[in-house]
C-alpha cells in the first residue's frame, strides 16, 4: 500500500476558514469549516475520498510538482 502526502492550504474566510488541496482542486478538493481545525479535518476527509475515487476509476494521481504531492511506497 502507498502513502500519499498532499499539500493543503487553510485560510481565514468570512465566518470561518476556507481549505483546499492545490493538486486536487480540479477534482473538487475545496471545503470550509467554522474553525481552522474543522476546515483541516474536512479537507483531509475530502482528499482521502477523492484519492480513493480516482484510484477506483483508474485515474492517475497528479505527478509531484512544486511540493504539492509526495508518494511513499
Protein backbone atom coordinates (compact mmCIF):
# COMPACT_ATOMS: atom_id res chain seq x y z
CA UNK A 1 0.00 0.00 0.00
CA UNK A 2 1.22 3.51 -0.81
CA UNK A 3 1.03 6.59 1.33
CA UNK A 4 0.26 9.88 -0.38
CA UNK A 5 1.03 13.28 1.13
CA UNK A 6 -0.74 16.31 -0.30
CA UNK A 7 -0.17 19.95 0.45
CA UNK A 8 -3.30 21.69 1.73
CA UNK A 9 -4.00 25.36 2.31
CA UNK A 10 -6.20 26.66 5.14
CA UNK A 11 -7.03 30.37 5.11
CA UNK A 12 -9.30 32.61 7.18
CA UNK A 13 -12.56 33.43 5.42
CA UNK A 14 -15.73 35.30 6.33
CA UNK A 15 -17.21 33.50 9.30
CA UNK A 16 -14.64 30.68 9.36
CA UNK A 17 -11.88 29.08 7.32
CA UNK A 18 -11.50 28.02 3.69
CA UNK A 19 -9.38 24.93 2.89
CA UNK A 20 -8.24 23.34 -0.36
CA UNK A 21 -5.70 20.98 -1.86
CA UNK A 22 -3.96 22.62 -4.84
CA UNK A 23 -3.07 19.31 -6.52
CA UNK A 24 -6.67 18.03 -6.37
CA UNK A 25 -8.57 21.30 -6.68
CA UNK A 26 -9.78 20.45 -10.20
CA UNK A 27 -11.46 17.37 -8.67
CA UNK A 28 -13.30 19.45 -6.08
CA UNK A 29 -10.88 19.39 -3.15
CA UNK A 30 -12.26 22.62 -1.68
CA UNK A 31 -14.11 22.90 1.64
CA UNK A 32 -14.58 25.08 4.69
CA UNK A 33 -15.04 24.95 8.45
CA UNK A 34 -16.05 27.11 11.39
CA UNK A 35 -12.58 26.72 12.90
CA UNK A 36 -9.15 26.11 11.40
CA UNK A 37 -9.15 22.60 12.87
CA UNK A 38 -12.57 21.80 11.38
CA UNK A 39 -11.50 23.05 7.94
CA UNK A 40 -8.34 20.95 8.12
CA UNK A 41 -10.33 17.88 9.18
CA UNK A 42 -12.82 18.47 6.35
CA UNK A 43 -10.15 18.86 3.66
CA UNK A 44 -8.34 15.78 4.97
CA UNK A 45 -11.51 13.70 4.65
CA UNK A 46 -12.20 15.15 1.21
CA UNK A 47 -8.68 14.40 -0.07
CA UNK A 48 -8.97 10.80 1.13
CA UNK A 49 -12.31 10.42 -0.65
CA UNK A 50 -11.03 11.92 -3.89
CA UNK A 51 -7.87 9.78 -3.88
CA UNK A 52 -9.95 6.64 -3.27
CA UNK A 53 -12.33 7.53 -6.12
CA UNK A 54 -9.51 8.35 -8.55
CA UNK A 55 -7.74 5.08 -7.75
CA UNK A 56 -11.01 3.11 -8.12
CA UNK A 57 -11.63 4.72 -11.51
CA UNK A 58 -8.06 4.07 -12.64
CA UNK A 59 -7.31 7.79 -12.98
CA UNK A 60 -3.66 8.57 -12.20
CA UNK A 61 -3.00 10.92 -9.31
CA UNK A 62 -1.27 14.19 -10.18
CA UNK A 63 2.50 13.93 -10.56
CA UNK A 64 4.64 15.57 -7.90
CA UNK A 65 5.47 19.16 -8.72
CA UNK A 66 6.21 22.19 -6.60
CA UNK A 67 5.97 20.04 -3.45
CA UNK A 68 2.21 19.55 -3.99
CA UNK A 69 2.40 15.75 -3.94
CA UNK A 70 4.75 13.24 -2.37
CA UNK A 71 4.33 9.49 -2.84
CA UNK A 72 5.85 6.95 -0.44
CA UNK A 73 5.96 3.18 -1.05
